[in-house]
């Protein structure tokens, strides 16, 4: 029996999970969960990265206690694109900027004036998102922090550095910076040079499974762990780890990683860099074993999370029961619309979008919740259909992983909208993918197909069959297309 700690950081909370494994068994338990609360300061929206690091240390202490004081490895995954800057002494230069901060507004147009959007897509394969690291660095070009920086570490790599004293840049997360060529799986040197971005700021690239150091003596003392404890690079973009944990039994599958975001797409052997793909705003992020995560970003359960926050955190089960009683597809919004990116006033903004498109305006909490879930299912349908068409890769089943698997109504609506069976689970996909990459690096499990077979045997999964035909979803889609 081996014990692996998975540090899994989401946009609203972090957790440290313990995976206890043999070659034929896998059991995941939560050791510690802690909030991730961004802080708005006069200069903008920032991550409380010191609070996150404290949560990681507390979690490793709890994980060690659960595993008898001994961990075989630690892996870290988190959200993408954001980073910390270090000075020449390795000290952090301020709290990392949150990707929802307003500093990148209007920056993309400045970038495209130097590297036109079609060229940028051909070179990097990344969809347009205003918060991509490339745009963040362009926005920060004249800042004092960047001028004094000698190293840039993406969030998981920053935490790994504090744990081990060693610096690296894990590839799956690096591929979200819009500075990686998905064909060579190396930096896009031409793009960086044309935009004046100094790639020497980045530490050397690491692959999932590479060693990332050992816990420092001070960390061992603080967490009570018996050393040495290795840190292993995993798919440090949480979506890369989640896709690694899709329990697919074949190649003809789509996936939807659900949580604050919905990431919907395919696992491919090569990027799709056509103009049609760019126009459809699909991204080519790198995954395990030379794969490409060909997907579209959808706003996800952020829409509902913000409404719940605005309503004073009512019981989610009650909201979902109320939503189930509302007529289907009465009103829908574009769940990929950047108008919903910023926090605040989400119920009002959803109502305003419905009013502007000439649809019935949802008024009650149940109506707004149903509008959100129908809209997410519709966005899932569009992404799965578009991905198949653009990549020439048909699918027979949709795997839903992540927090949205707990939402049975959303899973059923997604099956209905796509006209395909949905297999929901595992819920903690990112943590499981994190654990499995560590286990594989230590010889406990085989290739990613063997990893997926193990998941299918050991994890609870729920299957949803499509109901009611897809004509009504096509009609709802047409409503959005004519806005």
Protein backbone atom coordinates (compact mmCIF):
# COMPACT_ATOMS: atom_id res chain seq x y z
CA UNK A 1 0.00 0.00 0.00
CA UNK A 2 1.38 3.39 -1.07
CA UNK A 3 0.13 6.80 0.04
CA UNK A 4 0.15 9.85 -2.23
CA UNK A 5 -0.94 13.38 -1.28
CA UNK A 6 -2.73 15.36 -3.97
CA UNK A 7 -2.79 19.12 -3.41
CA UNK A 8 -5.73 20.25 -5.57
CA UNK A 9 -6.42 23.99 -5.68
CA UNK A 10 -9.59 25.36 -7.22
CA UNK A 11 -10.74 28.91 -7.75
CA UNK A 12 -12.92 28.86 -4.63
CA UNK A 13 -11.33 26.23 -2.37
CA UNK A 14 -8.29 24.05 -1.93
CA UNK A 15 -8.00 20.52 -0.63
CA UNK A 16 -5.36 17.97 0.18
CA UNK A 17 -6.46 14.45 -0.65
CA UNK A 18 -4.75 11.17 0.20
CA UNK A 19 -4.72 8.40 -2.38
CA UNK A 20 -3.98 4.97 -0.89
CA UNK A 21 -3.09 2.54 -3.65
CA UNK A 22 -2.02 -0.94 -4.60
CA UNK A 23 -1.73 -2.05 -8.24
CA UNK A 24 -5.38 -3.19 -8.04
CA UNK A 25 -7.01 -0.73 -5.64
CA UNK A 26 -7.44 3.01 -5.26
CA UNK A 27 -9.04 4.78 -2.33
CA UNK A 28 -9.21 8.56 -2.08
CA UNK A 29 -9.98 10.42 1.13
CA UNK A 30 -10.03 14.10 2.00
CA UNK A 31 -7.43 15.09 4.58
CA UNK A 32 -8.06 18.84 4.67
CA UNK A 33 -10.14 21.43 2.85
CA UNK A 34 -9.67 25.18 3.06
CA UNK A 35 -11.18 28.26 1.41
CA UNK A 36 -9.58 30.15 -1.43
CA UNK A 37 -10.77 33.73 -1.00
CA UNK A 38 -9.41 36.31 -3.43
CA UNK A 39 -8.88 39.74 -1.92
CA UNK A 40 -9.68 43.09 -3.54
CA UNK A 41 -7.06 45.68 -2.64
CA UNK A 42 -6.66 49.22 -4.04
CA UNK A 43 -4.54 48.00 -6.95
CA UNK A 44 -6.98 45.25 -7.95
CA UNK A 45 -8.02 41.63 -7.35
CA UNK A 46 -5.32 39.39 -5.86
CA UNK A 47 -4.90 35.78 -4.72
CA UNK A 48 -4.09 35.17 -1.05
CA UNK A 49 -1.28 32.81 -1.97
CA UNK A 50 0.24 32.82 1.53
CA UNK A 51 -3.09 31.67 2.91
CA UNK A 52 -3.15 28.92 0.28
CA UNK A 53 0.35 27.81 1.21
CA UNK A 54 -0.65 27.68 4.88
CA UNK A 55 -3.61 25.52 3.86
CA UNK A 56 -1.27 23.21 1.94
CA UNK A 57 0.99 22.80 4.98
CA UNK A 58 -2.01 22.10 7.22
CA UNK A 59 -3.23 19.61 4.64
CA UNK A 60 0.09 17.79 4.42
CA UNK A 61 0.13 17.54 8.21
CA UNK A 62 -3.35 16.01 8.14
CA UNK A 63 -2.46 13.76 5.21
CA UNK A 64 0.59 12.47 7.04
CA UNK A 65 -1.49 11.74 10.12
CA UNK A 66 -3.99 9.81 7.99
CA UNK A 67 -1.18 7.81 6.38
CA UNK A 68 0.69 6.95 9.58
CA UNK A 69 3.22 9.78 9.28
CA UNK A 70 4.59 8.69 5.92
CA UNK A 71 3.79 9.88 2.41
CA UNK A 72 5.38 8.36 -0.67
CA UNK A 73 4.96 11.49 -2.79
CA UNK A 74 3.20 14.85 -3.09
CA UNK A 75 1.75 16.37 -6.28
CA UNK A 76 0.20 19.81 -6.85
CA UNK A 77 -2.39 20.96 -9.38
CA UNK A 78 -4.34 24.21 -9.61
CA UNK A 79 -6.15 26.55 -11.94
CA UNK A 80 -4.19 27.90 -14.89
CA UNK A 81 -2.67 31.14 -16.27
CA UNK A 82 -1.83 32.97 -13.00
CA UNK A 83 1.69 33.32 -11.62
CA UNK A 84 3.95 34.73 -8.93
CA UNK A 85 7.05 36.82 -9.57
CA UNK A 86 10.27 36.29 -7.61
CA UNK A 87 13.18 38.69 -7.15
CA UNK A 88 16.87 37.78 -7.44
CA UNK A 89 16.81 36.35 -3.92
CA UNK A 90 13.84 34.12 -4.69
CA UNK A 91 11.41 36.23 -2.63
CA UNK A 92 7.84 36.75 -3.82
CA UNK A 93 7.14 40.21 -5.28
CA UNK A 94 3.59 40.79 -4.10
CA UNK A 95 0.46 38.68 -4.21
CA UNK A 96 -0.31 37.10 -7.60
CA UNK A 97 -2.90 38.93 -9.68
CA UNK A 98 -6.26 37.16 -10.09
CA UNK A 99 -7.25 36.25 -13.63
CA UNK A 100 -10.57 38.06 -13.13
CA UNK A 101 -8.73 41.34 -12.46
CA UNK A 102 -9.54 44.11 -14.93
CA UNK A 103 -5.94 44.83 -15.96
CA UNK A 104 -6.21 42.85 -19.22
CA UNK A 105 -9.19 44.78 -20.58
CA UNK A 106 -8.32 45.95 -24.09
CA UNK A 107 -4.88 44.29 -24.01
CA UNK A 108 -5.66 41.64 -26.62
CA UNK A 109 -6.10 44.26 -29.32
CA UNK A 110 -2.61 45.61 -28.55
CA UNK A 111 -1.15 42.11 -28.84
CA UNK A 112 -2.96 41.45 -32.12
CA UNK A 113 -1.54 44.67 -33.58
CA UNK A 114 1.88 42.98 -33.36
CA UNK A 115 0.91 39.33 -33.80
CA UNK A 116 -2.46 39.11 -35.59
CA UNK A 117 -4.94 36.75 -33.95
CA UNK A 118 -4.81 34.13 -36.76
CA UNK A 119 -1.00 33.99 -36.54
CA UNK A 120 -1.13 33.75 -32.77
CA UNK A 121 -3.53 30.80 -32.99
CA UNK A 122 -1.44 28.99 -35.58
CA UNK A 123 1.64 29.41 -33.39
CA UNK A 124 0.12 28.54 -29.99
CA UNK A 125 -3.24 26.85 -30.63
CA UNK A 126 -4.83 28.67 -27.70
CA UNK A 127 -8.33 30.08 -27.71
CA UNK A 128 -8.85 33.73 -26.99
CA UNK A 129 -9.41 34.38 -23.32
CA UNK A 130 -8.68 37.86 -21.96
CA UNK A 131 -6.79 36.44 -18.96
CA UNK A 132 -4.27 34.22 -20.79
CA UNK A 133 -0.80 34.68 -19.29
CA UNK A 134 0.45 36.30 -22.49
CA UNK A 135 -2.08 39.13 -22.07
CA UNK A 136 -1.33 39.40 -18.35
CA UNK A 137 2.38 39.84 -19.07
CA UNK A 138 1.63 42.42 -21.75
CA UNK A 139 -0.55 44.33 -19.27
CA UNK A 140 2.27 44.18 -16.69
CA UNK A 141 5.01 45.22 -19.12
CA UNK A 142 5.66 48.60 -17.51
CA UNK A 143 5.11 47.54 -13.90
CA UNK A 144 7.78 47.84 -11.22
CA UNK A 145 7.20 44.23 -10.16
CA UNK A 146 7.95 42.81 -13.59
CA UNK A 147 10.99 45.07 -13.94
CA UNK A 148 12.43 43.63 -10.71
CA UNK A 149 11.41 40.03 -11.39
CA UNK A 150 14.03 37.39 -12.09
CA UNK A 151 11.71 34.37 -12.13
CA UNK A 152 8.07 33.69 -12.97
CA UNK A 153 6.42 30.60 -11.50
CA UNK A 154 2.90 29.46 -12.27
CA UNK A 155 0.84 28.86 -9.12
CA UNK A 156 1.49 25.10 -8.67
CA UNK A 157 5.17 25.59 -9.44
CA UNK A 158 5.38 28.44 -6.92
CA UNK A 159 3.98 26.24 -4.16
CA UNK A 160 6.29 23.38 -5.17
CA UNK A 161 9.23 25.80 -4.96
CA UNK A 162 8.29 26.81 -1.42
CA UNK A 163 8.01 23.14 -0.46
CA UNK A 164 11.27 22.00 -2.06
CA UNK A 165 13.46 24.98 -2.95
CA UNK A 166 13.56 23.77 -6.59
CA UNK A 167 12.09 25.63 -9.57
CA UNK A 168 10.43 24.26 -12.68
CA UNK A 169 7.59 24.95 -15.13
CA UNK A 170 5.24 22.02 -15.63
CA UNK A 171 4.20 21.62 -19.25
CA UNK A 172 0.41 21.15 -19.09
CA UNK A 173 0.03 24.40 -17.18
CA UNK A 174 2.65 26.16 -19.31
CA UNK A 175 0.51 25.35 -22.34
CA UNK A 176 -2.18 27.71 -21.00
CA UNK A 177 0.16 30.70 -21.10
CA UNK A 178 -0.26 31.11 -24.89
CA UNK A 179 3.53 30.93 -25.12
CA UNK A 180 3.88 27.19 -25.97
CA UNK A 181 3.86 25.65 -29.47
CA UNK A 182 1.54 22.60 -29.18
CA UNK A 183 3.32 20.86 -32.07
CA UNK A 184 6.83 21.01 -30.60
CA UNK A 185 5.63 21.05 -26.95
CA UNK A 186 8.26 23.75 -26.36
CA UNK A 187 8.19 27.53 -26.07
CA UNK A 188 6.95 29.58 -29.00
CA UNK A 189 10.14 31.63 -29.24
CA UNK A 190 8.98 33.73 -32.20
CA UNK A 191 5.78 34.89 -30.48
CA UNK A 192 7.64 35.76 -27.29
CA UNK A 193 10.32 37.69 -29.18
CA UNK A 194 7.81 39.70 -31.21
CA UNK A 195 5.92 40.68 -28.06
CA UNK A 196 9.02 41.44 -25.99
CA UNK A 197 8.33 38.67 -23.45
CA UNK A 198 11.50 37.38 -21.78
CA UNK A 199 11.23 33.57 -21.69
CA UNK A 200 14.26 33.38 -19.40
CA UNK A 201 11.85 34.40 -16.62
CA UNK A 202 10.43 30.87 -16.80
CA UNK A 203 12.11 27.96 -15.06
CA UNK A 204 12.99 24.85 -17.17
CA UNK A 205 10.04 22.85 -18.45
CA UNK A 206 8.98 19.68 -16.62
CA UNK A 207 6.78 16.83 -17.84
CA UNK A 208 4.06 15.15 -15.75
CA UNK A 209 5.82 12.43 -13.78
CA UNK A 210 9.16 14.21 -13.55
CA UNK A 211 10.74 14.60 -10.10
CA UNK A 212 10.23 18.09 -8.65
CA UNK A 213 12.44 17.87 -5.55
CA UNK A 214 11.99 16.69 -1.97
CA UNK A 215 10.31 18.42 0.94
CA UNK A 216 12.65 20.80 2.74
CA UNK A 217 13.69 19.96 6.30
CA UNK A 218 11.65 22.91 7.59
CA UNK A 219 8.54 21.58 5.83
CA UNK A 220 9.06 18.11 7.28
CA UNK A 221 9.37 19.61 10.74
CA UNK A 222 6.26 21.75 10.34
CA UNK A 223 4.11 18.94 8.93
CA UNK A 224 5.45 16.11 11.09
CA UNK A 225 6.21 13.97 8.05
CA UNK A 226 8.98 11.40 8.03
CA UNK A 227 11.42 12.19 5.24
CA UNK A 228 12.46 11.99 2.60
CA UNK A 229 9.23 12.85 0.79
CA UNK A 230 9.45 13.43 -2.94
CA UNK A 231 7.41 16.00 -4.83
CA UNK A 232 6.36 14.74 -8.26
CA UNK A 233 5.30 16.94 -11.15
CA UNK A 234 1.77 15.96 -12.17
CA UNK A 235 -0.60 17.45 -14.73
CA UNK A 236 -0.40 20.65 -12.72
CA UNK A 237 -3.23 22.30 -14.63
CA UNK A 238 -6.19 20.83 -12.79
CA UNK A 239 -7.98 20.15 -16.07
CA UNK A 240 -5.02 18.07 -17.28
CA UNK A 241 -5.23 15.98 -14.11
CA UNK A 242 -9.02 15.72 -14.42
CA UNK A 243 -8.83 14.52 -18.04
CA UNK A 244 -6.22 11.94 -17.00
CA UNK A 245 -8.90 10.60 -14.61
CA UNK A 246 -11.67 10.24 -17.22
CA UNK A 247 -12.67 6.56 -16.84
CA UNK A 248 -13.11 5.99 -20.59
CA UNK A 249 -12.94 2.46 -21.97
CA UNK A 250 -12.26 3.49 -25.59
CA UNK A 251 -11.18 6.40 -27.76
CA UNK A 252 -14.59 7.67 -28.94
CA UNK A 253 -15.44 9.87 -25.98
CA UNK A 254 -15.91 13.53 -25.14
CA UNK A 255 -15.35 14.92 -21.67
CA UNK A 256 -16.74 17.79 -19.66
CA UNK A 257 -14.72 18.84 -16.61
CA UNK A 258 -17.25 20.65 -14.47
CA UNK A 259 -16.75 23.07 -11.64
CA UNK A 260 -16.38 26.84 -11.57
CA UNK A 261 -15.65 26.38 -15.29
CA UNK A 262 -16.91 23.77 -17.72
CA UNK A 263 -14.14 22.53 -20.00
CA UNK A 264 -15.72 20.51 -22.80
CA UNK A 265 -13.87 18.72 -25.56
CA UNK A 266 -11.82 15.79 -26.80
CA UNK A 267 -8.50 14.08 -26.17
CA UNK A 268 -6.49 14.12 -29.42
CA UNK A 269 -3.08 13.03 -30.65
CA UNK A 270 -2.35 16.33 -32.44
CA UNK A 271 -3.56 19.93 -32.27
CA UNK A 272 -6.24 21.38 -34.54
CA UNK A 273 -4.91 24.73 -35.77
CA UNK A 274 -7.36 25.60 -38.54
CA UNK A 275 -9.00 28.98 -38.96
CA UNK A 276 -12.38 27.31 -38.36
CA UNK A 277 -11.09 26.05 -35.03
CA UNK A 278 -9.91 29.53 -34.06
CA UNK A 279 -13.24 31.06 -35.08
CA UNK A 280 -15.01 28.51 -32.87
CA UNK A 281 -12.71 29.51 -29.98
CA UNK A 282 -11.33 26.05 -29.27
CA UNK A 283 -8.08 25.65 -27.42
CA UNK A 284 -5.25 23.12 -27.79
CA UNK A 285 -3.80 22.57 -24.33
CA UNK A 286 -1.29 19.85 -23.62
CA UNK A 287 -2.11 16.69 -21.71
CA UNK A 288 -0.56 13.47 -20.53
CA UNK A 289 1.60 11.31 -22.81
CA UNK A 290 1.79 13.70 -25.74
CA UNK A 291 -1.97 14.21 -25.95
CA UNK A 292 -3.80 17.44 -26.71
CA UNK A 293 -6.80 18.64 -24.71
CA UNK A 294 -8.92 20.09 -27.48
CA UNK A 295 -11.64 21.97 -25.65
CA UNK A 296 -13.76 25.05 -25.21
CA UNK A 297 -13.98 27.06 -21.97
CA UNK A 298 -17.55 27.58 -20.78
CA UNK A 299 -18.41 29.81 -17.83
CA UNK A 300 -19.59 26.78 -15.83
CA UNK A 301 -21.11 26.63 -12.37
CA UNK A 302 -19.59 30.06 -11.66
CA UNK A 303 -22.94 31.43 -12.86
CA UNK A 304 -24.82 29.51 -10.17
CA UNK A 305 -22.14 30.05 -7.51
CA UNK A 306 -22.39 33.81 -7.97
CA UNK A 307 -26.19 33.69 -7.79
CA UNK A 308 -26.08 31.59 -4.63
CA UNK A 309 -23.65 34.10 -3.11
CA UNK A 310 -25.94 37.00 -4.06
CA UNK A 311 -28.92 35.19 -2.50
CA UNK A 312 -27.17 34.68 0.84
CA UNK A 313 -26.13 31.02 0.34
CA UNK A 314 -29.50 29.24 0.33
CA UNK A 315 -29.62 25.42 0.32
CA UNK A 316 -28.52 24.16 -3.09
CA UNK A 317 -30.74 21.08 -2.93
CA UNK A 318 -33.81 23.30 -2.50
CA UNK A 319 -32.77 25.44 -5.47
CA UNK A 320 -32.32 22.38 -7.68
CA UNK A 321 -35.72 20.97 -6.71
CA UNK A 322 -37.31 24.33 -7.53
CA UNK A 323 -35.43 24.40 -10.85
CA UNK A 324 -36.64 20.90 -11.75
CA UNK A 325 -40.22 22.19 -11.56
CA UNK A 326 -39.63 25.03 -14.03
CA UNK A 327 -40.50 24.36 -17.72
CA UNK A 328 -37.45 23.34 -19.74
CA UNK A 329 -35.66 25.83 -22.00
CA UNK A 330 -38.01 28.69 -21.18
CA UNK A 331 -35.04 31.08 -21.29
CA UNK A 332 -31.35 30.50 -22.07
CA UNK A 333 -28.21 32.65 -22.13
CA UNK A 334 -24.83 32.16 -23.75
CA UNK A 335 -22.81 30.47 -20.99
CA UNK A 336 -19.59 31.32 -22.80
CA UNK A 337 -20.26 35.05 -22.91
CA UNK A 338 -17.44 37.08 -21.34
CA UNK A 339 -20.13 39.41 -20.00
CA UNK A 340 -20.53 36.91 -17.15
CA UNK A 341 -16.81 36.74 -16.30
CA UNK A 342 -16.66 39.37 -13.55
CA UNK A 343 -18.18 38.78 -10.10
CA UNK A 344 -21.26 40.57 -8.81
CA UNK A 345 -24.95 41.08 -9.69
CA UNK A 346 -25.22 37.72 -11.46
CA UNK A 347 -29.00 37.23 -11.07
CA UNK A 348 -29.62 40.70 -12.49
CA UNK A 349 -27.16 40.18 -15.34
CA UNK A 350 -28.80 36.89 -16.34
CA UNK A 351 -32.21 38.54 -16.29
CA UNK A 352 -30.89 41.45 -18.38
CA UNK A 353 -29.44 39.03 -20.98
CA UNK A 354 -32.79 37.25 -21.29
CA UNK A 355 -34.64 40.57 -21.61
CA UNK A 356 -32.21 41.77 -24.30
CA UNK A 357 -32.75 38.61 -26.35
CA UNK A 358 -36.55 38.88 -26.17
CA UNK A 359 -37.04 35.82 -23.98
CA UNK A 360 -39.14 35.50 -20.81
CA UNK A 361 -37.23 37.05 -17.94
CA UNK A 362 -36.57 34.58 -15.08
CA UNK A 363 -37.65 36.13 -11.79
CA UNK A 364 -37.66 33.51 -9.04
CA UNK A 365 -34.58 31.71 -7.75
CA UNK A 366 -35.87 28.48 -9.25
CA UNK A 367 -36.38 30.10 -12.67
CA UNK A 368 -32.90 31.65 -12.65
CA UNK A 369 -31.33 28.36 -11.56
CA UNK A 370 -33.15 26.48 -14.33
CA UNK A 371 -32.04 29.09 -16.87
CA UNK A 372 -28.43 28.57 -15.78
CA UNK A 373 -28.60 24.76 -15.94
CA UNK A 374 -30.38 24.73 -19.31
CA UNK A 375 -27.82 27.24 -20.63
CA UNK A 376 -24.89 25.15 -19.40
CA UNK A 377 -26.33 21.98 -20.96
CA UNK A 378 -26.86 23.87 -24.22
CA UNK A 379 -23.27 25.13 -24.14
CA UNK A 380 -22.07 21.57 -23.48
CA UNK A 381 -24.02 20.39 -26.52
CA UNK A 382 -22.55 23.06 -28.75
CA UNK A 383 -19.00 22.35 -27.58
CA UNK A 384 -19.27 18.57 -28.03
CA UNK A 385 -20.83 18.91 -31.49
CA UNK A 386 -18.34 21.55 -32.64
CA UNK A 387 -15.33 19.59 -31.34
CA UNK A 388 -16.38 16.47 -33.25
CA UNK A 389 -16.88 18.42 -36.45
CA UNK A 390 -13.68 20.46 -36.26
CA UNK A 391 -11.44 17.54 -35.26
CA UNK A 392 -13.13 14.88 -37.38
CA UNK A 393 -13.37 12.75 -34.25
CA UNK A 394 -16.85 11.25 -33.59
CA UNK A 395 -17.84 10.19 -30.08
CA UNK A 396 -20.33 7.72 -28.59
CA UNK A 397 -20.38 8.88 -24.96
CA UNK A 398 -19.78 12.00 -22.87
CA UNK A 399 -17.87 11.67 -19.61
CA UNK A 400 -18.68 14.32 -17.00
CA UNK A 401 -16.12 14.62 -14.21
CA UNK A 402 -15.62 17.07 -11.36
CA UNK A 403 -17.96 18.85 -8.99
CA UNK A 404 -20.85 19.00 -11.47
CA UNK A 405 -21.28 15.23 -11.22
CA UNK A 406 -23.14 15.88 -7.95
CA UNK A 407 -25.75 17.85 -9.90
CA UNK A 408 -27.98 15.10 -11.29
CA UNK A 409 -30.25 17.59 -13.06
CA UNK A 410 -27.32 19.13 -14.96
CA UNK A 411 -26.00 15.68 -15.93
CA UNK A 412 -29.42 14.59 -17.25
CA UNK A 413 -29.88 17.86 -19.13
CA UNK A 414 -26.44 17.43 -20.69
CA UNK A 415 -27.34 13.92 -21.88
CA UNK A 416 -30.63 15.26 -23.29
CA UNK A 417 -28.94 18.19 -25.02
CA UNK A 418 -26.10 16.15 -26.54
CA UNK A 419 -28.33 13.20 -27.47
CA UNK A 420 -25.63 10.94 -26.03
CA UNK A 421 -25.23 8.88 -22.86
CA UNK A 422 -23.48 10.73 -20.05
CA UNK A 423 -21.27 8.84 -17.60
CA UNK A 424 -20.84 10.99 -14.49
CA UNK A 425 -17.88 10.50 -12.19
CA UNK A 426 -15.48 10.63 -10.57
CA UNK A 427 -16.25 13.81 -8.64
CA UNK A 428 -12.67 14.37 -7.42
CA UNK A 429 -11.22 13.78 -10.88
CA UNK A 430 -8.37 16.29 -10.62
CA UNK A 431 -7.15 14.80 -7.34
CA UNK A 432 -7.42 11.26 -8.72
CA UNK A 433 -5.48 12.17 -11.87
CA UNK A 434 -2.89 13.85 -9.65
CA UNK A 435 -2.53 10.69 -7.53
CA UNK A 436 -2.37 8.37 -10.53
CA UNK A 437 0.42 10.30 -12.23
CA UNK A 438 2.42 10.11 -8.99
CA UNK A 439 1.73 6.39 -8.72
CA UNK A 440 2.75 5.82 -12.33
CA UNK A 441 5.98 7.74 -11.81
CA UNK A 442 6.74 5.33 -8.96
CA UNK A 443 5.91 2.23 -11.00
CA UNK A 444 2.65 1.33 -9.28
CA UNK A 445 0.38 1.64 -12.34
CA UNK A 446 0.90 1.42 -16.10
CA UNK A 447 -0.02 3.74 -18.98
CA UNK A 448 -2.98 6.10 -19.03
CA UNK A 449 -5.24 3.33 -20.39
CA UNK A 450 -4.37 1.19 -17.37
CA UNK A 451 -5.01 4.20 -15.15
CA UNK A 452 -8.48 4.60 -16.68
CA UNK A 453 -9.30 0.90 -16.32
CA UNK A 454 -8.40 1.12 -12.64
CA UNK A 455 -10.69 4.14 -12.23
CA UNK A 456 -13.59 2.41 -14.01
CA UNK A 457 -13.23 -0.54 -11.59
CA UNK A 458 -12.83 1.41 -8.38
CA UNK A 459 -14.83 4.65 -8.66
CA UNK A 460 -18.63 5.09 -8.42
CA UNK A 461 -20.07 6.13 -11.79
CA UNK A 462 -23.63 7.06 -12.80
CA UNK A 463 -24.99 6.72 -16.33
CA UNK A 464 -27.65 9.06 -17.75
CA UNK A 465 -29.46 8.15 -20.97
CA UNK A 466 -30.74 10.95 -23.25
CA UNK A 467 -34.47 11.64 -23.13
CA UNK A 468 -36.89 13.60 -25.28
CA UNK A 469 -34.91 14.11 -28.49
CA UNK A 470 -32.70 17.05 -29.41
CA UNK A 471 -35.07 19.18 -31.54
CA UNK A 472 -36.01 21.45 -28.64
CA UNK A 473 -32.31 22.01 -27.89
CA UNK A 474 -31.66 22.88 -31.53
CA UNK A 475 -34.48 25.44 -31.35
CA UNK A 476 -33.02 26.97 -28.17
CA UNK A 477 -29.64 27.12 -29.86
CA UNK A 478 -31.19 29.00 -32.77
CA UNK A 479 -32.58 31.57 -30.30
CA UNK A 480 -29.05 32.41 -29.17
CA UNK A 481 -27.68 32.42 -32.72
CA UNK A 482 -30.13 35.13 -33.76
CA UNK A 483 -29.26 37.52 -30.94
